[in-house]
């Protein structure tokens, strides 16, 4: 069955957790004892209705404040598709959590409060969805019950969002008026909004075309581990384990090892279940070669006629995660890229992005918590990468503090 990964985003109190709770409740994904516990907690809290947000807000602080802090992953299925949901927080100080949750998503649901309209967090999360190359965005205009199911208000918000989104790179945007609290247009069509002729949210999630997320053209296999069993049965076995990041590998294919440049042919492709005739993303497997070549963790197997970029100068868009330090030119960090870890130095900060106006801020060269910037980085040894727009795996990176191992930033390579 096809799998769809999607994330919810939006401002505080736009109803993200309630929407996911409603989807799970109306698709009968939750068990009776879970529902009873939510009903009991809702009554203890003095809520007028069953608070479905409690299904995803599991942290004590989240329940006390009625907000989402950490990314909550939930799973449900219908006869047509399986779904993995990342419920991400709305507060500005948790933007890094939103980036983390959205990094693997095929689709993003941006919630907009029908009373408040398009606000800063709506713009911020839409920009991040565009930055992360999420091809499908659903703008769910929530709490339509609080604006008397007004078609005029819905059209006004659609116009406002389109004005902002015209400057973003989002191929498909769908607008759906909903009431997550009452379930209107979530799973079933609403009788309160006969003027809306589109589909319900769940129907759209079940039927939206999700093209192949992986790049099956450019063959990329970052080596994660060299397997040497040292047993009598597998005395001479030497395999290279990892996850295919792009393209297709078959026994007999000629491959090149980066950075050495040596070539060989694939002998066999092994998995726990047995040998494969071909391997592609997201297969995790072990590849054996016909020749003995010095290969270690961080090397990459590619096809000789289709090599990635190999450079030490990296341009990237980054989102800064650290609340305790800022990024500035001259900082020495560690960079993790696929299975490779290298020393890096920030040569300069080219500009920061004002997510509300999308203007470049070129006079400020320090990047703080949750800010997004384009930076130029030099690494100690060459990276083998593709543009993020071409391959989300080989085009992404993480910056790390070399002394504390704190994750400082996530980045998307833009060497254009």
Protein backbone atom coordinates (compact mmCIF):
# COMPACT_ATOMS: atom_id res chain seq x y z
CA UNK A 1 0.00 0.00 0.00
CA UNK A 2 1.26 3.49 -0.88
CA UNK A 3 2.64 5.59 1.99
CA UNK A 4 2.10 9.33 2.35
CA UNK A 5 4.14 11.34 4.83
CA UNK A 6 2.69 14.71 5.73
CA UNK A 7 3.25 17.40 8.29
CA UNK A 8 0.95 19.93 9.91
CA UNK A 9 2.11 23.47 10.51
CA UNK A 10 0.68 26.83 11.46
CA UNK A 11 0.49 29.28 14.31
CA UNK A 12 -0.32 28.55 17.93
CA UNK A 13 -3.98 27.60 18.52
CA UNK A 14 -4.71 27.16 14.80
CA UNK A 15 -5.87 23.63 15.63
CA UNK A 16 -3.11 21.36 14.30
CA UNK A 17 -3.33 18.74 17.05
CA UNK A 18 -7.14 18.90 17.03
CA UNK A 19 -7.16 18.27 13.28
CA UNK A 20 -4.95 15.18 13.62
CA UNK A 21 -7.07 13.95 16.52
CA UNK A 22 -10.17 14.43 14.37
CA UNK A 23 -8.61 12.51 11.46
CA UNK A 24 -7.68 9.62 13.75
CA UNK A 25 -11.06 9.64 15.51
CA UNK A 26 -13.20 9.79 12.36
CA UNK A 27 -11.14 7.11 10.60
CA UNK A 28 -11.57 4.89 13.71
CA UNK A 29 -7.81 4.63 14.22
CA UNK A 30 -7.87 5.10 17.99
CA UNK A 31 -8.93 2.44 20.46
CA UNK A 32 -11.89 2.74 22.81
CA UNK A 33 -9.69 2.97 25.92
CA UNK A 34 -7.72 5.82 24.30
CA UNK A 35 -10.93 7.69 23.56
CA UNK A 36 -12.22 7.07 27.10
CA UNK A 37 -8.96 8.43 28.54
CA UNK A 38 -9.21 11.56 26.38
CA UNK A 39 -12.87 12.06 27.34
CA UNK A 40 -11.99 11.65 31.02
CA UNK A 41 -9.08 14.10 30.82
CA UNK A 42 -11.19 16.60 28.87
CA UNK A 43 -13.85 16.49 31.57
CA UNK A 44 -11.26 16.96 34.33
CA UNK A 45 -9.86 19.99 32.49
CA UNK A 46 -13.32 21.51 32.17
CA UNK A 47 -13.39 21.40 28.34
CA UNK A 48 -16.83 21.76 26.78
CA UNK A 49 -16.06 19.20 24.06
CA UNK A 50 -13.82 16.15 23.84
CA UNK A 51 -10.34 17.63 23.38
CA UNK A 52 -8.96 15.52 20.51
CA UNK A 53 -5.66 17.44 20.66
CA UNK A 54 -4.79 15.31 23.70
CA UNK A 55 -4.26 12.37 21.31
CA UNK A 56 -1.08 13.98 19.99
CA UNK A 57 -0.02 16.36 22.77
CA UNK A 58 1.59 13.80 25.05
CA UNK A 59 4.05 15.92 27.02
CA UNK A 60 2.88 17.23 30.39
CA UNK A 61 3.89 20.78 29.46
CA UNK A 62 1.93 20.50 26.20
CA UNK A 63 -1.24 19.46 27.99
CA UNK A 64 -0.88 22.10 30.68
CA UNK A 65 -0.36 24.94 28.18
CA UNK A 66 -2.52 23.59 25.37
CA UNK A 67 0.34 23.90 22.86
CA UNK A 68 2.59 21.60 20.84
CA UNK A 69 6.29 21.68 21.77
CA UNK A 70 7.91 18.58 20.33
CA UNK A 71 7.24 16.84 17.02
CA UNK A 72 4.66 14.09 17.52
CA UNK A 73 4.51 11.31 14.95
CA UNK A 74 1.22 9.48 14.48
CA UNK A 75 0.21 6.69 12.13
CA UNK A 76 -3.10 5.73 10.57
CA UNK A 77 -4.37 4.02 7.46
CA UNK A 78 -7.41 3.87 5.20
CA UNK A 79 -8.18 1.24 2.56
CA UNK A 80 -6.38 3.46 0.02
CA UNK A 81 -3.20 4.64 1.78
CA UNK A 82 -1.02 4.49 4.86
CA UNK A 83 -0.15 7.80 6.52
CA UNK A 84 2.64 9.05 8.78
CA UNK A 85 1.84 12.42 10.35
CA UNK A 86 4.34 14.80 11.91
CA UNK A 87 2.48 17.20 14.21
CA UNK A 88 4.86 20.16 14.50
CA UNK A 89 4.73 23.10 16.93
CA UNK A 90 3.54 26.58 16.00
CA UNK A 91 5.63 28.80 18.29
CA UNK A 92 8.44 30.75 16.65
CA UNK A 93 10.97 29.34 19.16
CA UNK A 94 10.16 25.80 17.95
CA UNK A 95 10.71 26.50 14.24
CA UNK A 96 13.65 24.06 14.32
CA UNK A 97 11.20 21.30 15.35
CA UNK A 98 9.02 22.19 12.36
CA UNK A 99 12.03 21.89 10.03
CA UNK A 100 12.86 18.48 11.49
CA UNK A 101 9.30 17.19 11.12
CA UNK A 102 8.89 18.49 7.58
CA UNK A 103 12.24 17.29 6.25
CA UNK A 104 10.84 13.91 5.10
CA UNK A 105 7.29 15.02 4.20
CA UNK A 106 5.62 14.64 0.80
CA UNK A 107 2.85 17.08 1.71
CA UNK A 108 2.34 19.91 4.22
CA UNK A 109 -0.94 21.03 5.75
CA UNK A 110 -0.71 24.71 6.68
CA UNK A 111 -3.51 25.64 9.07
CA UNK A 112 -4.90 29.16 9.06
CA UNK A 113 -7.31 30.46 11.72
CA UNK A 114 -10.25 31.90 9.78
CA UNK A 115 -10.47 34.77 12.29
CA UNK A 116 -6.79 35.76 12.28
CA UNK A 117 -5.93 35.12 8.64
CA UNK A 118 -2.43 34.88 7.18
CA UNK A 119 0.05 35.81 9.92
CA UNK A 120 3.80 35.59 10.51
CA UNK A 121 3.90 31.88 11.35
CA UNK A 122 1.80 31.05 8.29
CA UNK A 123 4.42 32.77 6.15
CA UNK A 124 7.31 31.20 8.06
CA UNK A 125 6.03 27.66 7.70
CA UNK A 126 5.07 28.14 4.05
CA UNK A 127 8.57 29.42 3.30
CA UNK A 128 10.12 26.42 5.07
CA UNK A 129 7.85 24.06 3.08
CA UNK A 130 9.09 25.75 -0.10
CA UNK A 131 12.71 25.59 1.08
CA UNK A 132 12.41 21.87 1.84
CA UNK A 133 10.97 21.23 -1.65
CA UNK A 134 7.61 19.94 -0.41
CA UNK A 135 5.62 19.77 -3.64
CA UNK A 136 2.09 19.69 -2.23
CA UNK A 137 0.68 22.18 0.27
CA UNK A 138 -2.86 22.10 1.63
CA UNK A 139 -3.99 25.38 3.17
CA UNK A 140 -6.65 24.27 5.66
CA UNK A 141 -8.64 27.34 6.72
CA UNK A 142 -9.82 26.20 10.15
CA UNK A 143 -12.49 27.38 12.61
CA UNK A 144 -14.95 28.26 9.86
CA UNK A 145 -17.68 27.75 12.48
CA UNK A 146 -16.42 30.88 14.25
CA UNK A 147 -16.89 33.06 11.14
CA UNK A 148 -20.41 31.72 10.43
CA UNK A 149 -19.18 29.47 7.59
CA UNK A 150 -18.57 32.58 5.49
CA UNK A 151 -17.68 32.00 1.84
CA UNK A 152 -16.62 35.63 1.56
CA UNK A 153 -14.11 35.24 4.41
CA UNK A 154 -12.75 32.04 2.88
CA UNK A 155 -12.22 33.71 -0.51
CA UNK A 156 -10.54 36.67 1.17
CA UNK A 157 -8.02 34.39 2.94
CA UNK A 158 -7.37 32.41 -0.25
CA UNK A 159 -6.50 35.68 -2.01
CA UNK A 160 -4.21 36.80 0.85
CA UNK A 161 -2.32 33.50 0.87
CA UNK A 162 -1.91 33.41 -2.90
CA UNK A 163 -0.38 36.91 -2.82
CA UNK A 164 2.32 35.68 -0.44
CA UNK A 165 2.80 32.25 -2.03
CA UNK A 166 3.35 33.70 -5.50
CA UNK A 167 6.96 34.35 -4.41
CA UNK A 168 7.50 30.77 -3.23
CA UNK A 169 8.39 27.59 -5.09
CA UNK A 170 5.36 25.40 -4.33
CA UNK A 171 4.02 23.51 -7.37
CA UNK A 172 0.56 22.68 -5.99
CA UNK A 173 -1.55 24.55 -3.40
CA UNK A 174 -5.03 23.36 -2.40
CA UNK A 175 -7.43 25.37 -0.21
CA UNK A 176 -9.97 23.59 2.02
CA UNK A 177 -12.33 25.29 4.55
CA UNK A 178 -12.67 23.10 7.65
CA UNK A 179 -13.74 22.96 11.27
CA UNK A 180 -11.41 20.51 12.99
CA UNK A 181 -13.42 20.70 16.22
CA UNK A 182 -16.69 19.63 14.59
CA UNK A 183 -15.24 17.57 11.74
CA UNK A 184 -16.54 19.68 8.84
CA UNK A 185 -14.71 18.83 5.57
CA UNK A 186 -12.13 16.78 7.48
CA UNK A 187 -13.30 13.24 6.67
CA UNK A 188 -16.78 13.99 5.32
CA UNK A 189 -18.13 16.89 3.28
CA UNK A 190 -19.72 19.64 5.38
CA UNK A 191 -23.42 20.46 5.17
CA UNK A 192 -22.66 23.87 6.69
CA UNK A 193 -20.65 24.99 3.63
CA UNK A 194 -22.67 23.99 0.54
CA UNK A 195 -20.84 26.69 -1.41
CA UNK A 196 -17.58 24.70 -1.23
CA UNK A 197 -17.43 22.31 -4.19
CA UNK A 198 -14.05 20.71 -3.47
CA UNK A 199 -13.17 17.45 -1.71
CA UNK A 200 -12.78 16.76 2.00
CA UNK A 201 -9.28 16.80 3.48
CA UNK A 202 -9.05 13.02 3.87
CA UNK A 203 -10.20 12.41 0.29
CA UNK A 204 -7.51 14.79 -0.93
CA UNK A 205 -4.86 13.01 1.17
CA UNK A 206 -5.98 9.66 -0.24
CA UNK A 207 -5.98 10.73 -3.88
CA UNK A 208 -3.27 13.40 -4.30
CA UNK A 209 -0.61 12.17 -6.70
CA UNK A 210 2.73 11.80 -4.96
CA UNK A 211 5.46 11.36 -7.52
CA UNK A 212 8.54 9.32 -6.68
CA UNK A 213 10.27 11.24 -3.91
CA UNK A 214 13.58 9.52 -4.51
CA UNK A 215 15.94 10.21 -7.39
CA UNK A 216 16.13 6.96 -9.39
CA UNK A 217 18.43 8.43 -12.04
CA UNK A 218 21.65 9.36 -10.21
CA UNK A 219 23.17 6.26 -8.58
CA UNK A 220 24.40 7.10 -5.07
CA UNK A 221 25.37 4.63 -2.32
CA UNK A 222 27.05 6.20 0.76
CA UNK A 223 28.97 3.49 2.60
CA UNK A 224 27.93 3.32 6.23
CA UNK A 225 29.83 0.26 7.42
CA UNK A 226 32.34 -2.28 6.16
CA UNK A 227 31.20 -5.78 7.09
CA UNK A 228 33.91 -8.34 7.89
CA UNK A 229 32.35 -11.26 9.85
CA UNK A 230 35.67 -12.97 10.78
CA UNK A 231 33.98 -16.37 10.92
CA UNK A 232 34.85 -19.70 9.29
CA UNK A 233 31.67 -19.65 7.19
CA UNK A 234 32.28 -16.11 5.87
CA UNK A 235 36.05 -16.09 6.09
CA UNK A 236 36.70 -14.00 2.95
CA UNK A 237 33.51 -11.89 3.00
CA UNK A 238 33.91 -8.13 2.63
CA UNK A 239 30.71 -6.16 2.10
CA UNK A 240 29.81 -2.48 2.13
CA UNK A 241 26.60 -1.71 3.98
CA UNK A 242 24.42 1.37 3.67
CA UNK A 243 21.18 2.79 2.30
CA UNK A 244 20.77 3.61 -1.37
CA UNK A 245 20.44 7.40 -1.69
CA UNK A 246 19.62 7.46 -5.39
CA UNK A 247 19.57 5.53 -8.65
CA UNK A 248 19.46 1.76 -9.17
CA UNK A 249 22.24 -0.76 -8.50
CA UNK A 250 22.33 -4.25 -10.03
CA UNK A 251 24.83 -7.11 -9.93
CA UNK A 252 27.25 -6.66 -12.83
CA UNK A 253 27.01 -2.86 -12.83
CA UNK A 254 30.27 -0.96 -13.05
CA UNK A 255 30.72 1.38 -10.08
CA UNK A 256 33.26 3.99 -9.05
CA UNK A 257 34.40 4.58 -5.48
CA UNK A 258 34.69 8.18 -4.34
CA UNK A 259 37.03 9.79 -3.39
CA UNK A 260 39.64 7.28 -4.64
CA UNK A 261 38.22 7.00 -8.18
CA UNK A 262 38.86 3.23 -8.41
CA UNK A 263 36.31 1.21 -10.36
CA UNK A 264 34.93 -2.31 -10.04
CA UNK A 265 31.74 -4.27 -10.70
CA UNK A 266 28.99 -5.26 -8.27
CA UNK A 267 29.25 -8.94 -7.42
CA UNK A 268 26.13 -9.37 -5.28
CA UNK A 269 23.60 -7.29 -3.31
CA UNK A 270 22.75 -8.82 0.07
CA UNK A 271 19.90 -8.14 2.52
CA UNK A 272 18.68 -9.91 5.64
CA UNK A 273 15.92 -11.57 3.56
CA UNK A 274 18.30 -12.71 0.80
CA UNK A 275 19.98 -11.42 -2.34
CA UNK A 276 18.46 -8.68 -4.52
CA UNK A 277 18.39 -8.40 -8.29
CA UNK A 278 18.37 -4.61 -7.94
CA UNK A 279 18.56 -2.06 -5.13
CA UNK A 280 17.13 1.45 -5.03
CA UNK A 281 16.06 4.01 -2.43
CA UNK A 282 15.10 3.33 0.34
CA UNK A 283 16.69 -0.14 0.30
CA UNK A 284 19.25 -0.83 3.01
CA UNK A 285 21.63 -3.50 1.78
CA UNK A 286 25.20 -4.76 1.60
CA UNK A 287 27.09 -4.63 -1.70
CA UNK A 288 30.04 -6.85 -2.53
CA UNK A 289 32.47 -6.03 -5.35
CA UNK A 290 34.52 -8.20 -7.67
CA UNK A 291 37.78 -6.42 -6.79
CA UNK A 292 39.52 -5.70 -3.49
CA UNK A 293 39.40 -1.91 -3.04
CA UNK A 294 40.15 0.14 0.05
CA UNK A 295 36.69 1.45 0.99
CA UNK A 296 35.62 2.84 4.37
CA UNK A 297 32.73 4.66 6.01
CA UNK A 298 32.04 7.97 4.31
CA UNK A 299 33.03 6.78 0.83
CA UNK A 300 30.38 6.63 -1.90
CA UNK A 301 29.66 4.19 -4.72
CA UNK A 302 28.44 5.88 -7.92
CA UNK A 303 28.20 5.12 -11.63
CA UNK A 304 31.32 6.29 -13.56
CA UNK A 305 29.25 8.11 -16.20
CA UNK A 306 27.07 9.93 -13.67
CA UNK A 307 29.15 11.35 -10.86
CA UNK A 308 28.00 13.86 -8.20
CA UNK A 309 29.66 17.20 -7.63
CA UNK A 310 32.93 16.83 -5.71
CA UNK A 311 33.92 20.10 -4.04
CA UNK A 312 35.25 21.66 -0.86
CA UNK A 313 33.38 24.96 -1.26
CA UNK A 314 29.73 24.61 -0.22
CA UNK A 315 26.87 27.11 -0.52
CA UNK A 316 23.86 26.19 1.59
CA UNK A 317 20.60 27.51 2.99
CA UNK A 318 20.56 26.71 6.70
CA UNK A 319 18.11 26.92 9.58
CA UNK A 320 19.94 27.65 12.84
CA UNK A 321 18.85 25.41 15.74
CA UNK A 322 21.03 26.45 18.67
CA UNK A 323 19.55 28.70 21.41
CA UNK A 324 22.94 29.18 23.10
CA UNK A 325 25.21 30.44 20.32
CA UNK A 326 25.08 32.32 17.02
CA UNK A 327 26.70 31.54 13.70
CA UNK A 328 29.23 33.96 12.27
CA UNK A 329 32.08 34.01 9.79
CA UNK A 330 35.17 32.16 11.00
CA UNK A 331 33.30 29.58 13.10
CA UNK A 332 34.88 26.11 13.00
CA UNK A 333 32.32 23.32 13.06
CA UNK A 334 31.80 19.70 12.07
CA UNK A 335 29.63 18.86 9.09
CA UNK A 336 27.76 15.59 8.62
CA UNK A 337 26.75 14.78 5.07
CA UNK A 338 25.28 11.33 4.30
CA UNK A 339 27.73 9.02 6.16
CA UNK A 340 30.67 11.43 5.93
CA UNK A 341 31.84 13.71 8.74
CA UNK A 342 34.33 16.49 7.98
CA UNK A 343 35.73 19.61 9.61
CA UNK A 344 34.26 22.85 8.25
CA UNK A 345 34.80 26.58 8.55
CA UNK A 346 32.20 29.26 7.81
CA UNK A 347 33.77 31.59 5.24
CA UNK A 348 30.95 34.13 5.31
CA UNK A 349 27.22 34.63 5.82
CA UNK A 350 25.86 35.90 2.50
CA UNK A 351 22.41 36.95 3.73
CA UNK A 352 19.54 36.10 6.05
CA UNK A 353 15.93 35.76 4.92
CA UNK A 354 13.08 37.80 6.37
CA UNK A 355 10.42 35.11 6.22
CA UNK A 356 7.56 37.61 6.36
CA UNK A 357 8.65 39.67 3.35
CA UNK A 358 11.08 37.14 1.78
CA UNK A 359 13.58 40.01 1.49
CA UNK A 360 17.31 39.33 1.84
CA UNK A 361 18.93 40.89 4.92
CA UNK A 362 22.52 41.45 3.81
CA UNK A 363 23.79 43.83 6.49
CA UNK A 364 23.39 41.42 9.44
CA UNK A 365 26.01 38.63 9.41
CA UNK A 366 25.13 36.78 12.62
CA UNK A 367 22.58 33.97 12.50
CA UNK A 368 20.54 33.26 15.63
CA UNK A 369 17.98 30.70 16.79
CA UNK A 370 15.40 29.73 14.11
CA UNK A 371 16.83 32.18 11.56
CA UNK A 372 17.32 31.08 7.96
CA UNK A 373 20.39 32.18 6.04
CA UNK A 374 22.56 31.42 3.04
CA UNK A 375 26.14 30.68 4.03
CA UNK A 376 29.39 29.76 2.31
CA UNK A 377 31.33 26.95 3.98
CA UNK A 378 34.70 25.35 3.22
CA UNK A 379 35.25 21.75 4.30
CA UNK A 380 38.58 20.05 5.05
CA UNK A 381 38.06 17.23 2.54
CA UNK A 382 35.79 17.14 -0.53
CA UNK A 383 32.11 16.25 -0.29
CA UNK A 384 30.25 14.21 -2.91
CA UNK A 385 26.87 15.86 -3.27
CA UNK A 386 23.97 16.83 -5.52
CA UNK A 387 21.81 19.93 -5.39
CA UNK A 388 19.09 19.58 -2.74
CA UNK A 389 16.50 20.18 -5.46
CA UNK A 390 17.81 17.09 -7.26
CA UNK A 391 18.36 14.73 -4.33
CA UNK A 392 17.13 15.49 -0.80
CA UNK A 393 19.52 12.93 0.74
CA UNK A 394 22.82 13.84 -0.90
CA UNK A 395 21.82 17.52 -0.94
CA UNK A 396 21.27 17.93 2.81
CA UNK A 397 23.72 18.46 5.67
CA UNK A 398 23.91 18.98 9.42
CA UNK A 399 26.28 21.30 11.29
CA UNK A 400 27.54 20.16 14.69
CA UNK A 401 29.47 21.73 17.54
CA UNK A 402 32.81 19.83 17.60
CA UNK A 403 33.13 20.15 21.38
CA UNK A 404 29.61 19.47 22.68
CA UNK A 405 28.17 17.46 19.74
CA UNK A 406 25.17 19.79 19.79
CA UNK A 407 23.24 19.87 16.51
CA UNK A 408 23.54 23.49 15.43
CA UNK A 409 21.83 23.67 12.03
CA UNK A 410 20.23 21.76 9.20
CA UNK A 411 21.12 22.79 5.68
CA UNK A 412 20.24 22.37 2.00
CA UNK A 413 23.06 22.58 -0.54
CA UNK A 414 22.54 25.20 -3.26
CA UNK A 415 25.80 25.24 -5.24
CA UNK A 416 24.37 27.04 -8.27
